Amino acid sequence: MVRNPNIKPRSNVDWTNIARRTVQIGFFVWIVIAAIRHNLALVDGASASIDALCPFGGLETLWRMLVEGRYIPKTHPSNIVLGLGLLIGALFAGAAFCGWICPFGTLQDGLTYLRKKLKVREIRVPESLDRWLRYGRFVVLFIILFKTISTVKLWFADFDPYRTIFSLEWLFDFNPAEHWLAYTIAMVILVLSFFIQRAWCKYLCPLGAVLSVVGHLSFLRIRRNPGSCKGCSICNKPCPVGIAVAKANPRVSTNCIGCLACVQSCPRNATLDVQIAPSWWDGLRNLFRRLRRPAPVSGD
């Protein structure tokens, strides 16, 4: 029997997914251990807090650092370093941080895994509504930056579900009288993420908003080859953030978190590939082609 060269050979082991889950769990455990050490520290500042380990804190404190040369309270030079590292990573691989490293993303993936095991039906947001809800990330980002600059403090820290959950203060110093709103927001986000896969990432995450913009400059992008794509839409199903990969023309949306599930699921060779293909690449390549094209010879 002759194998069709356009069809991928089947593999019983998805090594990409295994690698991603291993990295995710590793960073998740590291953040949890860091939070435990901080809460158990006998001397204040002896161990880094969740605030100091957050790359988004680098963006929040950046304005004051540039204008006054000082950090917003609860931020640290580590926030700037982590933010710069994330920016460099985003310029190279887009929002892969969200799909491979972010502990909150890992927690949401865990909730999705639990929902599937319990055979609970997923809530599917209509495409037209989903498209508008994704702008919520930019609204949240604007509010956070505006309030942080105007109040000169980590304004969002009192509401941030990531900080509420991963600081573990609810475990070591449970205080519903003072933090009831933070607990409520965190619980609502967790419930939504149980029924809607990666609800926080898709609709509310301010860092995701930043990365989706920077992603346009990313060198590595997933591209769809329209010539070999048969329109089966198999690649749409495993996407954790609900991107219509089968409609990519040719680059997949910058909302992509780099999990590569779509690439692994595509049954055809060279139809979905990770390539050096930033948005500006085609324009630059076309410019070079025009410059190299010989000028037309005019008649006498």
Foldseek 3Di string as FASTA:
>chain_A
DDDDQFFDDDDPDDVLLVLLLVLLVVLLVVLLVQLVCQLPDPDHPPGQFVLAQALVLLVLQVVCCVVPVDGQPSYDVSNVVSVVVVLVVLQAPFQLCLRRHDNVSVLLVVLQVVCVVVVPAADDDDPVVLVVLQCQLVVLLVVQNVCCVVVSHNVCCLADLVNVPSSCCCVVPNDCVRNVNNVVNNVVCSVNSNRQQPPCLRGHHNVLVVRLVSNLSHQKFKFFDVVSDPLPQQLQVVQRNRWSCSPPPTTTHSSGNPSCSSVVRDRTPPGIDTGRDHNCVVVVVVVVVVVPDDDDDDDD
